[in-house]
Amino acid sequence: MNTALLSIDHATLKLGNTTVFSDLNFTVNHGENWALIGESGSGKSALLQIVAGKLHISAGSIHYYFHEEYLKEHHSDDAHLTFHKLIGFVEPRHHFRNLSNTSDFYYQQRYNSSDSEDALTVEEYLGSIKHYSETLGYWDLHKVMQRLNLEVLKTKQLIKLSNGETKRLLIAAALIKNPVILLLDNPLTGLDVQTRAEFNRIIADINSSGITVIMATSPFEIPDAITHVAVLKDGAIDQQVPAKDFDSSSFAQIDKGNLDLEELSALLNINPIPSYEWIVRMNNVNITYGKKEILKNVDWQIRQGDHWALLGPNGAGKSTLLSLVNADNPQAYANDITLFDRKRGTGESIWDIKNKTGFVSPELYQYFPTDNSCLQVIESGFYDTMGLFRPSDPKKSAIALRWMKALEIDRYARVLLKNIPASAQRLCLLARALIKNPTLLIFDEPCQGMDLHQQLHFKMLVDTICELSNVTLIYVTHYQNEIPSSVDKVLRLDKGIVA
């Protein structure tokens, strides 16, 4: 038997006019599990997509030996049993569709009761997935529900899952296929502290069941079951070492970059922040969907200039609470909520509120259209639209480019959002939130997928904005080290209750 499961030999990958890989060589042998490490844009996600068959090389070759072995062992005449069906792939974005399988979900759908019913439940979704590998039947519906802690969510509709709950479901969906190879693209993104701690044991169980794991991850979050590490740099595999010999300390010595304080101050003064007494006042807020209570008797008062962290485990109700602040949830009208000194339901429009708010979240990232250029995406922040649907304004476009430079992503200005690394996509949406210098910034897990340099630079940018302006901040994260130094107030949620 061939010792290799798969091999990529002298491969070239081009995306548009950009060469992502040239003369790429990568081999995975039986008994190996690989972690792919590297800075944003180094090619980790692209390598996973090559293995999954989602990106096609223009030169070189790929050999899927595990597929050939499977066909020989099982003498399958099924022409449709391609290598794709023996690979499980957990990507940064999900691809859920409605019950009739005719359209994708849309942003805000989860908060609209009639539309949110147009979705499978967790149990129905997992029950619809087929697996092809007859010899690897370890992961059945009961096993994945139990191991990924999904039993309590089995009757919950997909659209109503939190970011972290969705990630657990995607891992379960990949496992229920009982694949030969499982590809994970930053699988810890969006998971709370408890689930991240358990993830090490989950990967060990996956490996023990006979599945080979290849994952893109942080150099500081490599599971014990990983046997080898590949370090990617500038579109090439710079280093391949056994995991026991990998030293992550060099990745901790990162320059967080420099900010042009004069330029940042000028950007913040383009549209000065007006004065308010109360940015948010919530009194005894309750949100329910059917018989399910999501928020229970929540009180929250935010004065102008406050800097809050909103914390809590996956499913605690954080996104629902933010949807009330950002005018995305119609149940706000049934509660005692004041935003920007004006009580909800007294004649204000949702656009009045959104005009004062800069918002970014995993859900916004999931559903944001990707066919605009990055510059157009950021300019759309002036209009609070999901993309630019009018001719570009040269003055506004120039401001967008200045914000791109502040976030170190100006090289992507003319590139379509869908053709840049996921971390750079998130930074574009952050620039979109900042561009109009809003009264309130809501950053829901803003550092997902960023490398350490990007995280440190963004934290420094947020702290500087808080220092130079009277902006109000709500910051959500599952990583304590990501919270900016300017944050000095904390609201904790657990099961919809202020803890």
Foldseek 3Di string as FASTA:
>chain_A
DDQWQKWWAQFWFDDVPDTLAGGAIDTHGFLAAEEEEEAFSLCQVVVLCVVLVNGDTPDTDMDRVNQVVQCVVVVDPPPPPDLNLQEAEQDLFDFFPFQVNPGGDAPLQLQDQVSQVRFAFLLVVLVVAEADRPVQQPQASVNLCVLLVPPVRRRPGPVNFFSQRNLSSSVSSSCNNSHQEYEEEASCFPAFPVSLVCVLVVVVVNVVSNHHYYYYHYPVRDRPSHQKYFYGGSSHGPDIDTPVPDDCVVLVPDDLDDFPLVLLLVLLPVAAEDAFFWQKFFAQDWDARPPATQAGGDTDTDGFLAAEEEEEGGSLNPVVVVCLSQVSHPCQQVGAMDHRNRTPPPDDDSQVRLQQEQEDASSLLNRQDFAQQLLQCLLCLNVPDSGHDDDDDVVSSVLLLSLCVLLVNNVRRGPTLVPGGSQSNLSSSNSSSPNNSHQEYEAAASRGPHRPSSLSNVLVVVVSSSVSGRHYYYHYDSDPVSRRPSHDHYFYGGSNYTD
